[in-house]
Amino acid sequence: MAKEHLQPSPFTWIGSNRPLARRVGRPVREFLAVEAAGGVILIISTIAALVWVNSPWSGSYHDLFETHINLEFGSLLQIELTLEEWINDALMALFFFVVGLEIKYELVAGELRDPRAAALPAMAALGGMVVPALVYLSFNAGGATNGWGIPMATDIAFALGVVSLLGSRVPGAMKVFLLTLAIVDDIGAILVIAIFYTSDMSLGWLAVAFALIGVIVAMRIAGVWYIPAYVLVGGFVWLAVFESGVHATIAGVVLGLLTPALPLKPDVPDDEDYVGRVMAGDGNAPVVRRASFDLNEQVSVAERLADFLHPYTSFLIIPVFALSNAGIEISGDALSAAATSDVTLGVVFGLVLGKLVGISLFTYVGVRTGMSRMPRGANWTHVIGLAAIGGIGFTVSLFVTGLAFDDPVITDDAKIGIVAASIIAAVVGSVILARAKEVREVDFEAPAPN
């Protein structure tokens, strides 16, 4: 979803001419608006986790994230999870809700709406999932095969952050290509989590979840637009999915996909032009509320919610997730063991080599077979460079690791592989793209109709 970054209102503190607002407030705001900001904060959180868990205060790290937090609903229900599990199951459900919003928007109003325009990045994403999984399995045949989903993911925050630092070396069309590829990659990751990383299911709770989803659909049909009502029902959908055995983050994806991605754009008669009355200074509280509704509905609910939640997911939820999941105890013995671990090697080669080969090869096949055209202004150096950048699998790869393995030793081996592979992929991709010719103005061009 494209965003327009406006200057803050002069009526607010951050938009004022006060020295602190000018020298600190607005520069921080402008940094947070940059694509790379989320990736930078994610890196800081990861480094903080690694330093903390390998410091003399490592005990406090484990004590914090292994703290048990109970949620009780009288005698009906009791949920007892550690802080890390609450982050992974509840906070990450909100992250996946935003992913669902973005997928819905792209399907209805974005790049995935036109199958011809989406064909090439979708095919590239398929290669970027299948080949890394096969590479991992080639290292772990007969061993820890459950981790095949780990190298399938691309961390879009990290990837776009790295690409944005390269400026005009990467055509705008290729940034759209990468974003679309990542959206399709997210769809694949969600399906993998839902189908292959689900524990024993409770059909009763699953039926409750479907019934509640039916309530949400009925509310939409009835024209209920009060978002807190959806938040309440959505909370119970999360609870039912959590209790069903399906991973709770799937609830976030489903709710995101149910969110309207097209604006209502209400038609109002001239004599009921509440916006005009407010702008003319002829408004009271009820008129302002109605004008606010009419203005809001010029933008879809999905776009509004994504715009509202993005700062929280990018600058709070994902960094907290990284802090709680990237705490790997690094020692000479641990690194030596990881260097010979089939799991670590499978993850590293899957992300670094599998992504590069899979995305590049499937893109080549798509172009050569006439399924789609190369994005305008791009060349094969750009494709190979972005394919390498696709090996940054950090966030979702860490998430899948927590679902795939129970053994802490294997889990740490996989996490070491993810961190190492993400660094290698970022460096290799940046070096390749830095060698590409600088471009100035490009567009993504879909194949012409036959």
Protein backbone atom coordinates (compact mmCIF):
# COMPACT_ATOMS: atom_id res chain seq x y z
CA MET A 1 0.00 0.00 0.00
CA ALA A 2 1.53 3.29 -1.06
CA LYS A 3 1.78 5.91 1.65
CA GLU A 4 1.95 9.66 1.44
CA HIS A 5 4.07 11.15 4.20
CA LEU A 6 2.57 14.50 5.20
CA GLN A 7 4.10 17.17 7.39
CA PRO A 8 2.69 17.19 10.93
CA SER A 9 0.01 19.75 11.73
CA PRO A 10 1.34 23.03 13.17
CA PHE A 11 -1.35 22.67 15.86
CA THR A 12 0.55 19.69 17.33
CA TRP A 13 3.75 19.75 19.38
CA ILE A 14 5.75 17.85 16.75
CA GLY A 15 4.66 20.30 14.07
CA SER A 16 5.48 23.34 16.18
CA ASN A 17 8.54 25.56 15.94
CA ARG A 18 9.85 24.57 19.36
CA PRO A 19 13.57 23.67 19.35
CA LEU A 20 13.02 20.11 20.68
CA ALA A 21 10.36 19.44 18.04
CA ARG A 22 12.61 20.78 15.25
CA ARG A 23 15.82 19.07 16.34
CA VAL A 24 14.52 15.77 17.74
CA GLY A 25 10.82 15.19 17.14
CA ARG A 26 10.60 15.73 13.38
CA PRO A 27 13.94 14.05 12.53
CA VAL A 28 12.84 10.93 14.46
CA ARG A 29 9.46 11.02 12.71
CA GLU A 30 11.14 11.30 9.31
CA PHE A 31 13.45 8.37 10.12
CA LEU A 32 10.51 6.18 11.10
CA ALA A 33 8.85 7.00 7.76
CA VAL A 34 11.81 5.59 5.81
CA GLU A 35 11.48 2.01 4.48
CA ALA A 36 14.75 0.99 6.09
CA ALA A 37 13.71 2.13 9.60
CA GLY A 38 11.89 -1.10 10.50
CA GLY A 39 14.87 -3.18 9.40
CA VAL A 40 17.29 -1.00 11.39
CA ILE A 41 15.26 -1.37 14.59
CA LEU A 42 14.94 -5.11 13.95
CA ILE A 43 18.74 -5.38 13.66
CA ILE A 44 19.17 -3.41 16.91
CA SER A 45 16.74 -5.74 18.72
CA THR A 46 18.54 -8.81 17.39
CA ILE A 47 21.94 -7.50 18.49
CA ALA A 48 20.48 -6.61 21.89
CA ALA A 49 19.15 -10.17 22.30
CA LEU A 50 22.49 -11.72 21.32
CA VAL A 51 24.47 -9.43 23.65
CA TRP A 52 22.04 -9.91 26.54
CA VAL A 53 21.92 -13.70 26.38
CA ASN A 54 25.72 -13.94 26.11
CA SER A 55 26.39 -11.50 28.96
CA PRO A 56 26.76 -12.16 32.70
CA TRP A 57 23.07 -11.17 32.98
CA SER A 58 21.83 -13.96 30.69
CA GLY A 59 19.82 -15.40 33.58
CA SER A 60 17.58 -12.33 33.62
CA TYR A 61 16.87 -12.83 29.89
CA HIS A 62 15.59 -16.35 30.44
CA ASP A 63 13.76 -15.38 33.63
CA LEU A 64 11.93 -12.60 31.77
CA PHE A 65 10.79 -14.49 28.70
CA GLU A 66 10.05 -17.72 30.61
CA THR A 67 7.77 -15.89 33.07
CA HIS A 68 4.37 -17.60 33.15
CA ILE A 69 1.32 -15.39 32.58
CA ASN A 70 -2.12 -16.89 33.18
CA LEU A 71 -5.42 -15.80 31.63
CA GLU A 72 -8.54 -17.20 33.29
CA PHE A 73 -12.21 -17.01 32.31
CA GLY A 74 -13.72 -18.22 35.56
CA SER A 75 -13.92 -22.00 35.60
CA LEU A 76 -14.55 -22.18 31.86
CA LEU A 77 -11.09 -21.65 30.49
CA GLN A 78 -7.50 -21.17 31.61
CA ILE A 79 -4.59 -20.21 29.37
CA GLU A 80 -1.11 -20.50 30.85
CA LEU A 81 1.74 -19.40 28.62
CA THR A 82 5.21 -17.99 29.05
CA LEU A 83 5.86 -14.39 28.01
CA GLU A 84 7.67 -15.68 24.91
CA GLU A 85 4.65 -17.80 23.99
CA TRP A 86 2.29 -14.83 24.47
CA ILE A 87 4.51 -12.83 22.11
CA ASN A 88 4.59 -15.64 19.51
CA ASP A 89 0.91 -16.58 19.74
CA ALA A 90 -0.84 -13.28 20.52
CA LEU A 91 1.33 -10.35 19.45
CA MET A 92 2.39 -12.12 16.27
CA ALA A 93 -1.28 -12.73 15.48
CA LEU A 94 -1.55 -8.94 15.16
CA PHE A 95 1.48 -8.94 12.85
CA PHE A 96 -0.13 -11.62 10.69
CA PHE A 97 -3.38 -9.64 10.76
CA VAL A 98 -1.51 -6.80 9.05
CA VAL A 99 -0.04 -9.34 6.60
CA GLY A 100 -3.61 -10.48 5.88
CA LEU A 101 -4.68 -6.87 5.33
CA GLU A 102 -1.85 -6.36 2.83
CA ILE A 103 -2.64 -9.60 1.00
CA LYS A 104 -6.34 -8.65 0.77
CA TYR A 105 -5.47 -5.17 -0.50
CA GLU A 106 -3.07 -6.54 -3.12
CA LEU A 107 -5.63 -9.10 -4.30
CA VAL A 108 -8.45 -6.57 -4.60
CA ALA A 109 -6.78 -3.26 -5.45
CA GLY A 110 -3.03 -3.87 -5.82
CA GLU A 111 -0.48 -5.75 -7.91
CA LEU A 112 -2.12 -9.18 -7.45
CA ARG A 113 -5.41 -7.91 -8.89
CA ASP A 114 -4.06 -8.28 -12.45
CA PRO A 115 -2.98 -11.90 -12.98
CA ARG A 116 -0.74 -10.89 -15.88
CA ALA A 117 1.15 -8.33 -13.81
CA ALA A 118 1.42 -10.69 -10.86
CA ALA A 119 2.46 -13.75 -12.91
CA LEU A 120 6.22 -13.14 -12.91
CA PRO A 121 6.74 -12.27 -9.21
CA ALA A 122 4.31 -15.04 -8.24
CA MET A 123 6.29 -17.58 -10.25
CA ALA A 124 9.53 -16.23 -8.78
CA ALA A 125 8.05 -16.60 -5.28
CA LEU A 126 7.12 -20.21 -6.04
CA GLY A 127 10.73 -20.93 -7.01
CA GLY A 128 11.88 -19.09 -3.89
CA MET A 129 9.83 -21.47 -1.75
CA VAL A 130 10.22 -24.84 -3.51
CA VAL A 131 13.98 -24.78 -4.18
CA PRO A 132 15.05 -23.69 -0.63
CA ALA A 133 12.81 -26.39 0.88
CA LEU A 134 14.41 -29.02 -1.38
CA VAL A 135 17.91 -27.77 -0.54
CA TYR A 136 17.14 -28.05 3.18
CA LEU A 137 15.75 -31.58 2.76
CA SER A 138 18.82 -32.63 0.79
CA PHE A 139 20.91 -31.89 3.89
CA ASN A 140 18.44 -33.43 6.34
CA ALA A 141 17.04 -36.47 4.58
CA GLY A 142 16.12 -38.92 7.33
CA GLY A 143 16.98 -36.32 10.01
CA ALA A 144 15.30 -33.12 11.18
CA THR A 145 13.05 -32.94 8.10
CA ASN A 146 10.40 -30.88 9.93
CA GLY A 147 12.46 -27.73 9.38
CA TRP A 148 11.94 -27.60 5.60
CA GLY A 149 9.62 -24.59 5.99
CA ILE A 150 12.32 -22.43 7.62
CA PRO A 151 14.24 -21.33 4.47
CA MET A 152 11.04 -20.70 2.48
CA ALA A 153 10.42 -17.26 4.03
CA THR A 154 11.58 -13.80 2.96
CA ASP A 155 11.66 -11.02 5.56
CA ILE A 156 10.15 -8.10 3.64
CA ALA A 157 11.13 -5.48 6.26
CA PHE A 158 14.80 -6.45 6.10
CA ALA A 159 14.76 -6.97 2.32
CA LEU A 160 13.11 -3.63 1.49
CA GLY A 161 15.37 -1.92 4.02
CA VAL A 162 18.49 -3.21 2.26
CA VAL A 163 17.09 -2.36 -1.19
CA SER A 164 16.11 1.17 -0.12
CA LEU A 165 19.71 1.85 0.93
CA LEU A 166 20.82 1.17 -2.66
CA GLY A 167 18.69 4.03 -3.98
CA SER A 168 18.35 4.32 -7.75
CA ARG A 169 20.58 1.28 -8.32
CA VAL A 170 17.33 -0.70 -8.08
CA PRO A 171 14.53 0.25 -10.53
CA GLY A 172 11.20 1.16 -8.97
CA ALA A 173 9.61 -1.66 -10.96
CA MET A 174 11.94 -4.16 -9.30
CA LYS A 175 10.97 -2.86 -5.85
CA VAL A 176 7.35 -3.57 -6.82
CA PHE A 177 8.51 -6.98 -8.07
CA LEU A 178 10.16 -7.69 -4.69
CA LEU A 179 7.11 -6.49 -2.73
CA THR A 180 4.73 -8.61 -4.81
CA LEU A 181 7.07 -11.59 -4.51
CA ALA A 182 7.12 -11.15 -0.73
CA ILE A 183 3.30 -10.97 -0.57
CA VAL A 184 3.00 -14.26 -2.49
CA ASP A 185 5.77 -15.65 -0.25
CA ASP A 186 3.68 -14.64 2.80
CA ILE A 187 0.67 -16.50 1.37
CA GLY A 188 2.83 -19.61 0.97
CA ALA A 189 4.23 -19.29 4.50
CA ILE A 190 0.72 -18.93 5.95
CA LEU A 191 -0.47 -22.06 4.12
CA VAL A 192 2.59 -24.00 5.30
CA ILE A 193 2.02 -22.95 8.93
CA ALA A 194 -1.70 -23.76 8.75
CA ILE A 195 -1.32 -27.15 7.08
CA PHE A 196 2.02 -28.57 8.21
CA TYR A 197 2.68 -26.94 11.60
CA THR A 198 -0.65 -27.55 13.28
CA SER A 199 -0.95 -29.76 16.37
CA ASP A 200 -3.86 -32.10 17.17
CA MET A 201 -7.06 -30.25 16.34
CA SER A 202 -10.16 -29.84 18.48
CA LEU A 203 -13.07 -29.95 16.06
CA GLY A 204 -15.36 -28.37 18.67
CA TRP A 205 -13.21 -25.25 19.04
CA LEU A 206 -12.67 -25.15 15.28
CA ALA A 207 -16.45 -25.13 14.81
CA VAL A 208 -16.70 -22.23 17.27
CA ALA A 209 -14.06 -20.33 15.27
CA PHE A 210 -15.99 -20.86 12.02
CA ALA A 211 -19.24 -19.79 13.71
CA LEU A 212 -17.61 -16.57 14.92
CA ILE A 213 -16.20 -15.92 11.45
CA GLY A 214 -19.78 -16.34 10.21
CA VAL A 215 -20.85 -13.68 12.73
CA ILE A 216 -18.25 -11.28 11.29
CA VAL A 217 -19.48 -11.93 7.75
CA ALA A 218 -23.08 -11.34 8.89
CA MET A 219 -22.05 -8.08 10.57
CA ARG A 220 -20.48 -6.91 7.31
CA ILE A 221 -23.59 -7.82 5.31
CA ALA A 222 -25.77 -5.99 7.85
CA GLY A 223 -23.67 -2.85 7.45
CA VAL A 224 -22.09 -2.80 10.90
CA TRP A 225 -19.12 -0.40 10.68
CA TYR A 226 -18.27 -0.06 14.37
CA ILE A 227 -14.67 -1.36 14.49
CA PRO A 228 -14.62 -2.10 18.29
CA ALA A 229 -17.42 -4.65 17.67
CA TYR A 230 -15.15 -6.46 15.21
CA VAL A 231 -12.25 -6.24 17.66
CA LEU A 232 -14.38 -7.97 20.32
CA VAL A 233 -15.54 -10.78 18.03
CA GLY A 234 -12.04 -11.05 16.52
CA GLY A 235 -10.60 -11.57 19.99
CA PHE A 236 -12.88 -14.56 20.49
CA VAL A 237 -11.94 -15.87 17.03
CA TRP A 238 -8.28 -15.80 18.14
CA LEU A 239 -9.17 -17.65 21.35
CA ALA A 240 -11.16 -20.33 19.49
CA VAL A 241 -8.39 -20.87 16.93
CA PHE A 242 -5.79 -21.02 19.72
CA GLU A 243 -7.79 -23.68 21.57
CA SER A 244 -8.49 -25.61 18.35
CA GLY A 245 -4.83 -26.57 17.86
CA VAL A 246 -4.44 -24.56 14.64
CA HIS A 247 -1.71 -21.99 15.22
CA ALA A 248 -3.32 -18.85 16.62
CA THR A 249 -1.62 -16.52 14.12
CA ILE A 250 -3.86 -17.99 11.39
CA ALA A 251 -6.75 -16.19 13.10
CA GLY A 252 -5.00 -12.90 12.38
CA VAL A 253 -4.59 -13.78 8.70
CA VAL A 254 -8.25 -14.83 8.32
CA LEU A 255 -9.49 -11.64 10.00
CA GLY A 256 -7.23 -9.58 7.73
CA LEU A 257 -8.62 -11.31 4.64
CA LEU A 258 -12.19 -10.60 5.80
CA THR A 259 -11.52 -6.86 6.08
CA PRO A 260 -13.01 -4.74 3.24
CA ALA A 261 -10.24 -3.60 0.88
CA LEU A 262 -12.36 -1.23 -1.21
CA PRO A 263 -13.67 2.11 0.10
CA LEU A 264 -17.38 2.61 0.70
CA LYS A 265 -17.27 6.17 -0.77
CA PRO A 266 -20.77 7.14 0.35
CA ASP A 267 -22.80 9.30 -2.04
CA VAL A 268 -24.40 12.12 -0.07
CA PRO A 269 -26.89 14.69 -1.41
CA ASP A 270 -25.78 18.32 -1.54
CA ASP A 271 -28.10 19.24 1.30
CA GLU A 272 -26.39 16.60 3.47
CA ASP A 273 -22.80 17.61 2.69
CA TYR A 274 -21.54 17.32 6.25
CA VAL A 275 -17.92 17.73 5.21
CA GLY A 276 -18.76 20.99 3.46
CA ARG A 277 -20.64 22.24 6.52
CA VAL A 278 -17.65 21.51 8.77
CA MET A 279 -15.22 23.22 6.40
CA ALA A 280 -17.53 26.24 6.26
CA GLY A 281 -17.48 26.45 10.05
CA ASP A 282 -21.12 25.36 10.37
CA GLY A 283 -20.54 22.21 12.39
CA ASN A 284 -21.34 20.81 15.79
CA ALA A 285 -20.25 17.51 17.37
CA PRO A 286 -22.80 15.25 15.54
CA VAL A 287 -22.04 16.95 12.21
CA VAL A 288 -18.28 16.52 12.73
CA ARG A 289 -18.79 12.82 13.57
CA ARG A 290 -20.79 12.30 10.36
CA ALA A 291 -18.26 14.25 8.30
CA SER A 292 -15.49 12.14 9.80
CA PHE A 293 -17.35 8.96 8.79
CA ASP A 294 -17.88 10.20 5.22
CA LEU A 295 -14.19 11.12 4.92
CA ASN A 296 -12.97 7.85 6.43
CA GLU A 297 -15.04 5.81 4.00
CA GLN A 298 -13.19 7.37 1.06
CA VAL A 299 -10.37 5.01 2.11
CA SER A 300 -10.89 1.27 2.63
CA VAL A 301 -10.98 -0.21 6.12
CA ALA A 302 -8.02 -2.46 5.22
CA GLU A 303 -5.88 0.51 4.21
CA ARG A 304 -6.86 2.53 7.30
CA LEU A 305 -6.15 -0.33 9.70
CA ALA A 306 -2.84 -1.19 8.02
CA ASP A 307 -1.78 2.46 8.19
CA PHE A 308 -2.73 2.60 11.89
CA LEU A 309 -1.13 -0.71 12.87
CA HIS A 310 2.07 -0.59 10.80
CA PRO A 311 4.00 1.54 13.33
CA TYR A 312 3.06 -0.86 16.14
CA THR A 313 3.98 -4.01 14.20
CA SER A 314 7.17 -2.58 12.65
CA PHE A 315 8.54 -0.71 15.65
CA LEU A 316 7.14 -2.67 18.60
CA ILE A 317 5.84 -6.18 17.87
CA ILE A 318 8.55 -7.36 15.46
CA PRO A 319 11.44 -5.93 17.55
CA VAL A 320 9.96 -7.52 20.71
CA PHE A 321 9.60 -10.80 18.80
CA ALA A 322 13.24 -10.59 17.70
CA LEU A 323 14.35 -9.77 21.24
CA SER A 324 12.54 -12.82 22.65
CA ASN A 325 13.47 -15.28 19.87
CA ALA A 326 16.97 -14.27 18.75
CA GLY A 327 18.61 -14.94 22.10
CA ILE A 328 21.13 -17.55 20.98
CA GLU A 329 23.95 -18.56 23.29
CA ILE A 330 27.06 -18.20 21.14
CA SER A 331 30.25 -19.94 22.18
CA GLY A 332 33.11 -21.61 20.39
CA ASP A 333 31.54 -25.02 21.00
CA ALA A 334 28.09 -23.86 19.85
CA LEU A 335 29.46 -22.33 16.63
CA SER A 336 31.64 -25.39 15.99
CA ALA A 337 28.64 -27.68 16.44
CA ALA A 338 26.45 -25.47 14.23
CA ALA A 339 29.08 -25.43 11.49
CA THR A 340 28.75 -29.21 11.14
CA SER A 341 25.00 -29.40 11.88
CA ASP A 342 22.84 -30.57 8.99
CA VAL A 343 20.08 -28.27 10.23
CA THR A 344 22.33 -25.19 10.17
CA LEU A 345 23.78 -26.10 6.78
CA GLY A 346 20.32 -26.81 5.38
CA VAL A 347 19.03 -23.42 6.56
CA VAL A 348 22.08 -21.47 5.33
CA PHE A 349 22.28 -23.11 1.91
CA GLY A 350 18.49 -23.10 1.60
CA LEU A 351 18.24 -19.35 2.21
CA VAL A 352 21.42 -18.18 0.48
CA LEU A 353 21.70 -20.58 -2.46
CA GLY A 354 18.14 -21.91 -2.67
CA LYS A 355 16.53 -18.47 -2.80
CA LEU A 356 19.05 -17.15 -5.33
CA VAL A 357 18.67 -20.14 -7.65
CA GLY A 358 14.92 -20.61 -7.15
CA ILE A 359 13.87 -16.99 -7.71
CA SER A 360 16.30 -16.44 -10.61
CA LEU A 361 15.50 -19.73 -12.35
CA PHE A 362 11.72 -19.43 -12.11
CA THR A 363 11.90 -15.78 -13.26
CA TYR A 364 13.99 -16.86 -16.25
CA VAL A 365 11.47 -19.58 -17.12
CA GLY A 366 8.59 -17.11 -16.78
CA VAL A 367 10.23 -14.62 -19.15
CA ARG A 368 11.51 -17.18 -21.66
CA THR A 369 8.13 -18.94 -21.93
CA GLY A 370 6.34 -15.63 -22.54
CA MET A 371 4.28 -15.89 -19.36
CA SER A 372 5.36 -12.35 -18.47
CA ARG A 373 7.84 -9.65 -19.44
CA MET A 374 10.87 -8.48 -17.57
CA PRO A 375 9.98 -5.36 -15.54
CA ARG A 376 10.86 -2.26 -17.57
CA GLY A 377 14.28 -0.79 -16.81
CA ALA A 378 15.49 -4.02 -15.17
CA ASN A 379 18.07 -6.54 -16.28
CA TRP A 380 19.26 -9.92 -15.07
CA THR A 381 21.72 -8.33 -12.64
CA HIS A 382 18.74 -6.80 -10.84
CA VAL A 383 16.88 -10.13 -10.82
CA ILE A 384 19.85 -12.08 -9.42
CA GLY A 385 20.59 -9.37 -6.85
CA LEU A 386 16.99 -9.31 -5.60
CA ALA A 387 16.94 -13.12 -5.61
CA ALA A 388 19.93 -13.03 -3.27
CA ILE A 389 18.22 -10.40 -1.08
CA GLY A 390 15.26 -12.80 -0.87
CA GLY A 391 17.50 -15.04 1.26
CA ILE A 392 16.97 -12.65 4.20
CA GLY A 393 14.41 -14.84 5.93
CA PHE A 394 14.75 -13.54 9.45
CA THR A 395 11.35 -12.91 11.10
CA VAL A 396 9.13 -15.63 9.62
CA SER A 397 12.05 -18.11 9.54
CA LEU A 398 12.55 -17.64 13.30
CA PHE A 399 8.80 -18.02 13.75
CA VAL A 400 8.66 -21.30 11.81
CA THR A 401 11.71 -22.57 13.76
CA GLY A 402 9.73 -22.25 16.98
CA LEU A 403 6.95 -24.35 15.44
CA ALA A 404 9.21 -26.95 13.82
CA PHE A 405 11.45 -28.01 16.71
CA ASP A 406 11.09 -28.76 20.40
CA ASP A 407 14.74 -29.66 20.98
CA PRO A 408 16.53 -26.46 22.14
CA VAL A 409 19.84 -27.62 20.62
CA ILE A 410 18.32 -28.09 17.16
CA THR A 411 16.40 -24.83 17.58
CA ASP A 412 19.61 -22.91 18.31
CA ASP A 413 21.34 -24.56 15.33
CA ALA A 414 18.51 -23.37 13.09
CA LYS A 415 18.58 -19.85 14.56
CA ILE A 416 22.33 -19.57 14.05
CA GLY A 417 21.78 -20.63 10.45
CA ILE A 418 19.03 -18.00 9.99
CA VAL A 419 21.17 -15.16 11.37
CA ALA A 420 24.22 -16.21 9.34
CA ALA A 421 22.23 -16.73 6.14
CA SER A 422 20.43 -13.38 6.48
CA ILE A 423 23.75 -11.54 6.85
CA ILE A 424 25.32 -13.39 3.90
CA ALA A 425 22.23 -12.83 1.72
CA ALA A 426 22.15 -9.10 2.52
CA VAL A 427 25.86 -8.69 1.68
CA VAL A 428 25.78 -10.80 -1.50
CA GLY A 429 22.61 -9.15 -2.77
CA SER A 430 23.92 -5.65 -2.04
CA VAL A 431 27.22 -6.33 -3.84
CA ILE A 432 25.41 -7.67 -6.92
CA LEU A 433 22.90 -4.77 -7.03
CA ALA A 434 25.66 -2.20 -6.45
CA ARG A 435 27.23 -3.38 -9.71
CA ALA A 436 23.99 -2.80 -11.64
CA LYS A 437 23.63 0.27 -13.83
CA GLU A 438 21.91 3.21 -12.15
CA VAL A 439 18.39 3.89 -13.41
CA ARG A 440 16.24 6.99 -13.16
CA GLU A 441 12.64 6.34 -14.11
CA VAL A 442 11.00 2.96 -14.65
CA ASP A 443 7.58 1.36 -14.52
CA PHE A 444 6.37 -2.16 -14.00
CA GLU A 445 4.95 -3.30 -17.30
CA ALA A 446 2.56 -6.21 -17.52
CA PRO A 447 2.63 -8.36 -20.67
CA ALA A 448 0.52 -7.04 -23.50
CA PRO A 449 -2.77 -8.91 -24.05
CA ASN A 450 -2.78 -11.42 -26.90
